[in-house]
Amino acid sequence: MYRQPCLTTRATPYWIEPQCHHLTMAAIYHDTLRCMRCERQPPEGFLYRCTVDREPLILSAKAKGDRVTFDSLGDAFAEEMTLGRFGPDARRKQHSFLNEITPEEITSYTLEQLSTILEQRKNVIDDQRRECYRTGKIYPDDTMPWVRQETHECQHVVCHQCYPRGREKSWVSLNGVLNGDILPTVATGFSFSYSGSRPCADANVVRNIGCRAVPLVRITHTDPFPLRPALLTLSSHGSTRRGLPHRRIQGPPPT
């Protein structure tokens, strides 16, 4: 079964970051969500939602065997999703630093420098494990200390009027997608997960929009006395605005 993401409603408690300073967000399209700042539904039809905790939660749910997609398109990309080349899942091992740089960059380090960097990486990993043990309720899995509990997920939701900077945090790199660096929220279509469908259209139809000539409208007059510009009169107050046209009534010919 597809695991529906947590909805931020007043009836259910959720984790609130009073001042969310996270760097990643996603545009969420749904007609029931409200902005946490102005508490109104957005006129644009979408809200910005923090995804810093949702990204690893999707990967963790998939690793447990849960379905994290709602359509066949998401199933096709679910196998390619990752937290990035420098994501926490890629840097959880001490020697992962050697995979983060190119062979040319490795030659620029001395053995002492490489040893110092690897020792620092080991100390960071050990400190992170101790921190997870201290805050076990928030980060319950010691093997994946970057995955929060779903009840402690940052679900900061704001509209574009209150937080226009959300646009800078919700962009997607097409080059990254082509290179296999696909975030879980992008692969699973998280922006449309609340509605359960994507607003997709036929590419053959979309590519022709605006390319065809607009046909001219032919006007057929059924009135036996068609209106002419000469029949337009001025108002009784001497205004230069055009008044209603009057029909000229033809009388008998003069004798």
C-alpha atoms as a PDB file:
ATOM      1  CA  MET A   1       0.000   0.000   0.000  1.00  0.00           C
ATOM      2  CA  TYR A   2       1.131   3.510  -0.724  1.00  0.00           C
ATOM      3  CA  ARG A   3       2.118   5.399   2.423  1.00  0.00           C
ATOM      4  CA  GLN A   4       0.356   8.741   2.361  1.00  0.00           C
ATOM      5  CA  PRO A   5       2.559  11.517   3.798  1.00  0.00           C
ATOM      6  CA  CYS A   6       1.535  13.189   7.007  1.00  0.00           C
ATOM      7  CA  LEU A   7      -1.028  15.941   6.598  1.00  0.00           C
ATOM      8  CA  THR A   8      -0.587  19.019   8.751  1.00  0.00           C
ATOM      9  CA  THR A   9      -4.012  19.495  10.310  1.00  0.00           C
ATOM     10  CA  ARG A  10      -5.138  20.946  13.604  1.00  0.00           C
ATOM     11  CA  ALA A  11      -6.690  17.644  14.651  1.00  0.00           C
ATOM     12  CA  THR A  12      -3.376  15.755  14.602  1.00  0.00           C
ATOM     13  CA  PRO A  13      -0.155  16.922  16.275  1.00  0.00           C
ATOM     14  CA  TYR A  14       2.883  17.509  14.114  1.00  0.00           C
ATOM     15  CA  TRP A  15       6.409  18.746  14.514  1.00  0.00           C
ATOM     16  CA  ILE A  16       6.718  22.487  13.911  1.00  0.00           C
ATOM     17  CA  GLU A  17       9.923  24.325  13.172  1.00  0.00           C
ATOM     18  CA  PRO A  18       9.105  27.889  14.330  1.00  0.00           C
ATOM     19  CA  GLN A  19      11.705  29.332  11.973  1.00  0.00           C
ATOM     20  CA  CYS A  20      12.468  26.791   9.269  1.00  0.00           C
ATOM     21  CA  HIS A  21      15.908  27.545   7.832  1.00  0.00           C
ATOM     22  CA  HIS A  22      16.246  24.332   5.834  1.00  0.00           C
ATOM     23  CA  LEU A  23      17.466  24.596   2.261  1.00  0.00           C
ATOM     24  CA  THR A  24      15.120  22.244   0.404  1.00  0.00           C
ATOM     25  CA  MET A  25      11.400  22.613  -0.248  1.00  0.00           C
ATOM     26  CA  ALA A  26       8.835  21.281  -2.698  1.00  0.00           C
ATOM     27  CA  ALA A  27       5.731  22.810  -4.225  1.00  0.00           C
ATOM     28  CA  ILE A  28       2.677  20.922  -2.959  1.00  0.00           C
ATOM     29  CA  TYR A  29      -0.537  21.015  -4.982  1.00  0.00           C
ATOM     30  CA  HIS A  30      -3.720  20.419  -3.002  1.00  0.00           C
ATOM     31  CA  ASP A  31      -6.896  22.367  -2.273  1.00  0.00           C
ATOM     32  CA  THR A  32      -7.164  21.605   1.460  1.00  0.00           C
ATOM     33  CA  LEU A  33      -3.763  22.689   2.797  1.00  0.00           C
ATOM     34  CA  ARG A  34      -3.340  26.095   4.408  1.00  0.00           C
ATOM     35  CA  CYS A  35      -0.357  28.329   4.967  1.00  0.00           C
ATOM     36  CA  MET A  36       1.078  28.131   8.488  1.00  0.00           C
ATOM     37  CA  ARG A  37       1.706  31.875   8.560  1.00  0.00           C
ATOM     38  CA  CYS A  38      -1.449  33.471   7.188  1.00  0.00           C
ATOM     39  CA  GLU A  39      -3.654  30.350   7.665  1.00  0.00           C
ATOM     40  CA  ARG A  40      -5.263  30.863   4.265  1.00  0.00           C
ATOM     41  CA  GLN A  41      -5.506  28.737   1.167  1.00  0.00           C
ATOM     42  CA  PRO A  42      -3.074  29.998  -1.469  1.00  0.00           C
ATOM     43  CA  PRO A  43      -4.571  31.719  -4.529  1.00  0.00           C
ATOM     44  CA  GLU A  44      -1.813  30.201  -6.680  1.00  0.00           C
ATOM     45  CA  GLY A  45      -3.024  26.669  -5.924  1.00  0.00           C
ATOM     46  CA  PHE A  46       0.192  25.418  -4.299  1.00  0.00           C
ATOM     47  CA  LEU A  47       2.253  25.715  -1.118  1.00  0.00           C
ATOM     48  CA  TYR A  48       5.940  25.349  -0.337  1.00  0.00           C
ATOM     49  CA  ARG A  49       6.706  22.461   2.038  1.00  0.00           C
ATOM     50  CA  CYS A  50      10.005  21.633   3.734  1.00  0.00           C
ATOM     51  CA  THR A  51      11.473  18.330   2.493  1.00  0.00           C
ATOM     52  CA  VAL A  52      14.730  18.064   4.438  1.00  0.00           C
ATOM     53  CA  ASP A  53      13.312  15.212   6.545  1.00  0.00           C
ATOM     54  CA  ARG A  54      10.937  13.794   3.934  1.00  0.00           C
ATOM     55  CA  GLU A  55      13.776  12.856   1.533  1.00  0.00           C
ATOM     56  CA  PRO A  56      15.445  10.292   3.854  1.00  0.00           C
ATOM     57  CA  LEU A  57      12.065   9.140   5.173  1.00  0.00           C
ATOM     58  CA  ILE A  58      11.064   8.065   1.660  1.00  0.00           C
ATOM     59  CA  LEU A  59      14.294   6.107   1.207  1.00  0.00           C
ATOM     60  CA  SER A  60      13.905   4.509   4.629  1.00  0.00           C
ATOM     61  CA  ALA A  61      10.312   3.477   3.898  1.00  0.00           C
ATOM     62  CA  LYS A  62      11.342   1.932   0.589  1.00  0.00           C
ATOM     63  CA  ALA A  63      14.171   0.017   2.280  1.00  0.00           C
ATOM     64  CA  LYS A  64      11.595  -1.466   4.665  1.00  0.00           C
ATOM     65  CA  GLY A  65       9.501  -2.707   1.752  1.00  0.00           C
ATOM     66  CA  ASP A  66       6.798  -0.031   1.865  1.00  0.00           C
ATOM     67  CA  ARG A  67       5.482   1.405  -1.355  1.00  0.00           C
ATOM     68  CA  VAL A  68       6.370   5.085  -1.642  1.00  0.00           C
ATOM     69  CA  THR A  69       4.846   5.841  -5.061  1.00  0.00           C
ATOM     70  CA  PHE A  70       1.286   6.199  -6.321  1.00  0.00           C
ATOM     71  CA  ASP A  71       1.655   5.583 -10.076  1.00  0.00           C
ATOM     72  CA  SER A  72       3.723   3.682 -12.631  1.00  0.00           C
ATOM     73  CA  LEU A  73       5.874   6.717 -13.414  1.00  0.00           C
ATOM     74  CA  GLY A  74       7.022   6.890  -9.820  1.00  0.00           C
ATOM     75  CA  ASP A  75       7.724   3.155  -9.828  1.00  0.00           C
ATOM     76  CA  ALA A  76      10.056   3.628 -12.804  1.00  0.00           C
ATOM     77  CA  PHE A  77      12.122   6.303 -11.043  1.00  0.00           C
ATOM     78  CA  ALA A  78      11.988   4.838  -7.523  1.00  0.00           C
ATOM     79  CA  GLU A  79      14.974   2.591  -8.214  1.00  0.00           C
ATOM     80  CA  GLU A  80      17.107   5.585  -9.233  1.00  0.00           C
ATOM     81  CA  MET A  81      16.418   7.932  -6.321  1.00  0.00           C
ATOM     82  CA  THR A  82      19.254   8.986  -4.062  1.00  0.00           C
ATOM     83  CA  LEU A  83      20.112  11.694  -1.556  1.00  0.00           C
ATOM     84  CA  GLY A  84      22.861  12.931  -3.840  1.00  0.00           C
ATOM     85  CA  ARG A  85      26.535  12.392  -4.364  1.00  0.00           C
ATOM     86  CA  PHE A  86      27.337  14.152  -1.099  1.00  0.00           C
ATOM     87  CA  GLY A  87      24.244  12.986   0.773  1.00  0.00           C
ATOM     88  CA  PRO A  88      24.391  11.494   4.275  1.00  0.00           C
ATOM     89  CA  ASP A  89      23.785   7.972   2.975  1.00  0.00           C
ATOM     90  CA  ALA A  90      26.829   8.258   0.701  1.00  0.00           C
ATOM     91  CA  ARG A  91      29.037   9.725   3.463  1.00  0.00           C
ATOM     92  CA  ARG A  92      28.141   7.370   6.299  1.00  0.00           C
ATOM     93  CA  LYS A  93      31.343   5.354   5.869  1.00  0.00           C
ATOM     94  CA  GLN A  94      34.770   6.575   6.867  1.00  0.00           C
ATOM     95  CA  HIS A  95      36.407   5.960   3.483  1.00  0.00           C
ATOM     96  CA  SER A  96      33.554   7.411   1.429  1.00  0.00           C
ATOM     97  CA  PHE A  97      35.633  10.563   1.014  1.00  0.00           C
ATOM     98  CA  LEU A  98      37.735   8.755  -1.573  1.00  0.00           C
ATOM     99  CA  ASN A  99      34.634   8.305  -3.725  1.00  0.00           C
ATOM    100  CA  GLU A 100      33.692  11.979  -3.504  1.00  0.00           C
ATOM    101  CA  ILE A 101      36.744  13.293  -5.334  1.00  0.00           C
ATOM    102  CA  THR A 102      38.292  12.501  -8.695  1.00  0.00           C
ATOM    103  CA  PRO A 103      41.589  10.594  -9.126  1.00  0.00           C
ATOM    104  CA  GLU A 104      43.239  13.850 -10.177  1.00  0.00           C
ATOM    105  CA  GLU A 105      42.151  15.497  -6.936  1.00  0.00           C
ATOM    106  CA  ILE A 106      43.459  12.582  -4.862  1.00  0.00           C
ATOM    107  CA  THR A 107      46.961  13.104  -6.233  1.00  0.00           C
ATOM    108  CA  SER A 108      46.907  16.685  -4.932  1.00  0.00           C
ATOM    109  CA  TYR A 109      46.775  15.413  -1.304  1.00  0.00           C
ATOM    110  CA  THR A 110      49.657  14.014   0.658  1.00  0.00           C
ATOM    111  CA  LEU A 111      49.337  10.814   2.678  1.00  0.00           C
ATOM    112  CA  GLU A 112      49.320  12.824   5.895  1.00  0.00           C
ATOM    113  CA  GLN A 113      46.485  15.025   4.630  1.00  0.00           C
ATOM    114  CA  LEU A 114      44.409  12.036   3.531  1.00  0.00           C
ATOM    115  CA  SER A 115      44.977  10.367   6.895  1.00  0.00           C
ATOM    116  CA  THR A 116      43.854  13.525   8.715  1.00  0.00           C
ATOM    117  CA  ILE A 117      40.703  13.838   6.597  1.00  0.00           C
ATOM    118  CA  LEU A 118      39.746  10.190   7.133  1.00  0.00           C
ATOM    119  CA  GLU A 119      40.349  10.518  10.877  1.00  0.00           C
ATOM    120  CA  GLN A 120      38.128  13.607  10.974  1.00  0.00           C
ATOM    121  CA  ARG A 121      35.420  11.743   9.085  1.00  0.00           C
ATOM    122  CA  LYS A 122      35.595   8.921  11.642  1.00  0.00           C
ATOM    123  CA  ASN A 123      35.255  11.383  14.529  1.00  0.00           C
ATOM    124  CA  VAL A 124      32.209  12.998  12.927  1.00  0.00           C
ATOM    125  CA  ILE A 125      30.534   9.613  12.457  1.00  0.00           C
ATOM    126  CA  ASP A 126      31.227   8.649  16.080  1.00  0.00           C
ATOM    127  CA  ASP A 127      29.868  11.969  17.368  1.00  0.00           C
ATOM    128  CA  GLN A 128      26.770  11.519  15.267  1.00  0.00           C
ATOM    129  CA  ARG A 129      26.129   8.077  16.704  1.00  0.00           C
ATOM    130  CA  ARG A 130      26.452   9.394  20.250  1.00  0.00           C
ATOM    131  CA  GLU A 131      24.051  12.209  19.451  1.00  0.00           C
ATOM    132  CA  CYS A 132      21.550   9.704  18.061  1.00  0.00           C
ATOM    133  CA  TYR A 133      21.810   7.668  21.248  1.00  0.00           C
ATOM    134  CA  ARG A 134      21.086  10.794  23.302  1.00  0.00           C
ATOM    135  CA  THR A 135      18.098  11.760  21.136  1.00  0.00           C
ATOM    136  CA  GLY A 136      16.883   8.250  20.427  1.00  0.00           C
ATOM    137  CA  LYS A 137      13.248   9.279  20.130  1.00  0.00           C
ATOM    138  CA  ILE A 138      13.975  11.624  17.228  1.00  0.00           C
ATOM    139  CA  TYR A 139      16.590   9.514  15.432  1.00  0.00           C
ATOM    140  CA  PRO A 140      15.708   5.911  16.338  1.00  0.00           C
ATOM    141  CA  ASP A 141      17.914   4.077  13.802  1.00  0.00           C
ATOM    142  CA  ASP A 142      21.630   4.045  14.651  1.00  0.00           C
ATOM    143  CA  THR A 143      22.548   2.732  11.198  1.00  0.00           C
ATOM    144  CA  MET A 144      20.784   5.683   9.533  1.00  0.00           C
ATOM    145  CA  PRO A 145      21.167   8.570  12.005  1.00  0.00           C
ATOM    146  CA  TRP A 146      19.950  11.117   9.450  1.00  0.00           C
ATOM    147  CA  VAL A 147      16.419   9.636   9.365  1.00  0.00           C
ATOM    148  CA  ARG A 148      14.019  11.250  11.810  1.00  0.00           C
ATOM    149  CA  GLN A 149      10.880   9.750  13.199  1.00  0.00           C
ATOM    150  CA  GLU A 150       7.884  10.626  11.069  1.00  0.00           C
ATOM    151  CA  THR A 151       6.207  12.335  14.021  1.00  0.00           C
ATOM    152  CA  HIS A 152       9.209  14.689  14.327  1.00  0.00           C
ATOM    153  CA  GLU A 153       9.391  15.532  10.635  1.00  0.00           C
ATOM    154  CA  CYS A 154       9.645  19.214   9.761  1.00  0.00           C
ATOM    155  CA  GLN A 155       6.419  19.978   7.904  1.00  0.00           C
ATOM    156  CA  HIS A 156       6.776  23.713   7.522  1.00  0.00           C
ATOM    157  CA  VAL A 157       4.215  24.802   4.909  1.00  0.00           C
ATOM    158  CA  VAL A 158       3.985  28.364   3.588  1.00  0.00           C
ATOM    159  CA  CYS A 159       2.402  30.087   0.619  1.00  0.00           C
ATOM    160  CA  HIS A 160       4.191  32.132  -2.020  1.00  0.00           C
ATOM    161  CA  GLN A 161       2.753  35.392  -0.689  1.00  0.00           C
ATOM    162  CA  CYS A 162       4.240  34.857   2.781  1.00  0.00           C
ATOM    163  CA  TYR A 163       7.506  33.250   1.687  1.00  0.00           C
ATOM    164  CA  PRO A 164       8.447  33.965  -1.960  1.00  0.00           C
ATOM    165  CA  ARG A 165      11.940  32.642  -1.295  1.00  0.00           C
ATOM    166  CA  GLY A 166      10.459  29.147  -1.337  1.00  0.00           C
ATOM    167  CA  ARG A 167      10.726  29.295  -5.113  1.00  0.00           C
ATOM    168  CA  GLU A 168      14.524  29.349  -4.815  1.00  0.00           C
ATOM    169  CA  LYS A 169      14.438  26.246  -2.600  1.00  0.00           C
ATOM    170  CA  SER A 170      12.044  24.139  -4.690  1.00  0.00           C
ATOM    171  CA  TRP A 171      13.822  24.035  -8.054  1.00  0.00           C
ATOM    172  CA  VAL A 172      14.923  20.764  -9.678  1.00  0.00           C
ATOM    173  CA  SER A 173      18.145  20.314 -11.652  1.00  0.00           C
ATOM    174  CA  LEU A 174      17.361  18.622 -14.972  1.00  0.00           C
ATOM    175  CA  ASN A 175      21.063  17.877 -15.451  1.00  0.00           C
ATOM    176  CA  GLY A 176      21.070  16.097 -12.111  1.00  0.00           C
ATOM    177  CA  VAL A 177      18.065  14.009 -13.124  1.00  0.00           C
ATOM    178  CA  LEU A 178      19.731  13.052 -16.413  1.00  0.00           C
ATOM    179  CA  ASN A 179      22.906  12.104 -14.530  1.00  0.00           C
ATOM    180  CA  GLY A 180      20.999   9.844 -12.124  1.00  0.00           C
ATOM    181  CA  ASP A 181      21.008  12.255  -9.176  1.00  0.00           C
ATOM    182  CA  ILE A 182      17.250  12.081  -8.509  1.00  0.00           C
ATOM    183  CA  LEU A 183      15.910  13.137  -5.127  1.00  0.00           C
ATOM    184  CA  PRO A 184      13.239  10.888  -3.566  1.00  0.00           C
ATOM    185  CA  THR A 185      10.603  13.635  -3.620  1.00  0.00           C
ATOM    186  CA  VAL A 186      11.240  14.134  -7.338  1.00  0.00           C
ATOM    187  CA  ALA A 187      11.264  10.433  -8.191  1.00  0.00           C
ATOM    188  CA  THR A 188       8.044   9.670  -6.337  1.00  0.00           C
ATOM    189  CA  GLY A 189       6.171  12.806  -7.411  1.00  0.00           C
ATOM    190  CA  PHE A 190       5.816  14.065  -3.859  1.00  0.00           C
ATOM    191  CA  SER A 191       4.346  17.369  -5.055  1.00  0.00           C
ATOM    192  CA  PHE A 192       1.225  15.532  -6.251  1.00  0.00           C
ATOM    193  CA  SER A 193       1.129  12.782  -3.607  1.00  0.00           C
ATOM    194  CA  TYR A 194      -1.655  14.477  -1.643  1.00  0.00           C
ATOM    195  CA  SER A 195      -3.980  14.417  -4.658  1.00  0.00           C
ATOM    196  CA  GLY A 196      -2.718  11.042  -5.918  1.00  0.00           C
ATOM    197  CA  SER A 197      -2.439  12.026  -9.584  1.00  0.00           C
ATOM    198  CA  ARG A 198      -0.148  14.021 -11.845  1.00  0.00           C
ATOM    199  CA  PRO A 199      -1.475  16.724 -14.188  1.00  0.00           C
ATOM    200  CA  CYS A 200       0.102  15.130 -17.248  1.00  0.00           C
ATOM    201  CA  ALA A 201      -0.931  15.808 -20.846  1.00  0.00           C
ATOM    202  CA  ASP A 202      -0.125  14.259 -24.208  1.00  0.00           C
ATOM    203  CA  ALA A 203       3.205  15.648 -25.437  1.00  0.00           C
ATOM    204  CA  ASN A 204       1.979  15.579 -29.044  1.00  0.00           C
ATOM    205  CA  VAL A 205      -0.835  17.935 -28.077  1.00  0.00           C
ATOM    206  CA  VAL A 206       1.188  20.234 -25.836  1.00  0.00           C
ATOM    207  CA  ARG A 207       3.957  20.831 -28.371  1.00  0.00           C
ATOM    208  CA  ASN A 208       1.459  22.276 -30.877  1.00  0.00           C
ATOM    209  CA  ILE A 209      -0.150  24.737 -28.476  1.00  0.00           C
ATOM    210  CA  GLY A 210       0.296  28.257 -29.805  1.00  0.00           C
ATOM    211  CA  CYS A 211       1.866  27.126 -33.077  1.00  0.00           C
ATOM    212  CA  ARG A 212      -1.235  27.043 -35.242  1.00  0.00           C
ATOM    213  CA  ALA A 213      -2.686  30.159 -36.838  1.00  0.00           C
ATOM    214  CA  VAL A 214      -5.774  31.580 -35.214  1.00  0.00           C
ATOM    215  CA  PRO A 215      -8.693  31.412 -37.685  1.00  0.00           C
ATOM    216  CA  LEU A 216     -10.469  34.664 -38.487  1.00  0.00           C
ATOM    217  CA  VAL A 217     -14.028  35.000 -37.278  1.00  0.00           C
ATOM    218  CA  ARG A 218     -16.556  35.704 -40.011  1.00  0.00           C
ATOM    219  CA  ILE A 219     -19.463  37.936 -38.992  1.00  0.00           C
ATOM    220  CA  THR A 220     -22.741  37.396 -40.797  1.00  0.00           C
ATOM    221  CA  HIS A 221     -25.218  40.322 -40.606  1.00  0.00           C
ATOM    222  CA  THR A 222     -28.811  39.294 -40.293  1.00  0.00           C
ATOM    223  CA  ASP A 223     -30.082  42.830 -39.718  1.00  0.00           C
ATOM    224  CA  PRO A 224     -31.491  44.407 -42.930  1.00  0.00           C
ATOM    225  CA  PHE A 225     -30.143  47.763 -41.709  1.00  0.00           C
ATOM    226  CA  PRO A 226     -26.450  47.149 -40.952  1.00  0.00           C
ATOM    227  CA  LEU A 227     -24.805  49.617 -38.619  1.00  0.00           C
ATOM    228  CA  ARG A 228     -22.359  52.087 -40.078  1.00  0.00           C
ATOM    229  CA  PRO A 229     -19.895  54.454 -38.352  1.00  0.00           C
ATOM    230  CA  ALA A 230     -21.748  57.452 -39.802  1.00  0.00           C
ATOM    231  CA  LEU A 231     -24.819  56.500 -37.804  1.00  0.00           C
ATOM    232  CA  LEU A 232     -23.031  56.848 -34.451  1.00  0.00           C
ATOM    233  CA  THR A 233     -24.255  59.942 -32.640  1.00  0.00           C
ATOM    234  CA  LEU A 234     -23.008  62.073 -29.799  1.00  0.00           C
ATOM    235  CA  SER A 235     -24.732  62.168 -26.461  1.00  0.00           C
ATOM    236  CA  SER A 236     -27.038  65.005 -25.541  1.00  0.00           C
ATOM    237  CA  HIS A 237     -24.429  66.434 -23.143  1.00  0.00           C
ATOM    238  CA  GLY A 238     -21.854  67.000 -25.838  1.00  0.00           C
ATOM    239  CA  SER A 239     -19.630  64.157 -24.684  1.00  0.00           C
ATOM    240  CA  THR A 240     -17.088  62.672 -27.052  1.00  0.00           C
ATOM    241  CA  ARG A 241     -18.004  59.158 -25.968  1.00  0.00           C
ATOM    242  CA  ARG A 242     -19.757  57.047 -28.505  1.00  0.00           C
ATOM    243  CA  GLY A 243     -23.448  56.680 -27.864  1.00  0.00           C
ATOM    244  CA  LEU A 244     -25.762  53.913 -28.917  1.00  0.00           C
ATOM    245  CA  PRO A 245     -26.183  53.737 -32.686  1.00  0.00           C
ATOM    246  CA  HIS A 246     -29.562  54.794 -34.089  1.00  0.00           C
ATOM    247  CA  ARG A 247     -31.127  53.414 -37.218  1.00  0.00           C
ATOM    248  CA  ARG A 248     -32.057  55.863 -39.903  1.00  0.00           C
ATOM    249  CA  ILE A 249     -35.721  55.519 -40.826  1.00  0.00           C
ATOM    250  CA  GLN A 250     -36.295  56.119 -44.474  1.00  0.00           C
ATOM    251  CA  GLY A 251     -39.505  58.057 -45.248  1.00  0.00           C
ATOM    252  CA  PRO A 252     -41.320  58.594 -48.516  1.00  0.00           C
ATOM    253  CA  PRO A 253     -39.361  60.365 -51.253  1.00  0.00           C
ATOM    254  CA  PRO A 254     -39.820  64.175 -51.424  1.00  0.00           C
ATOM    255  CA  THR A 255     -42.308  65.488 -53.948  1.00  0.00           C
END
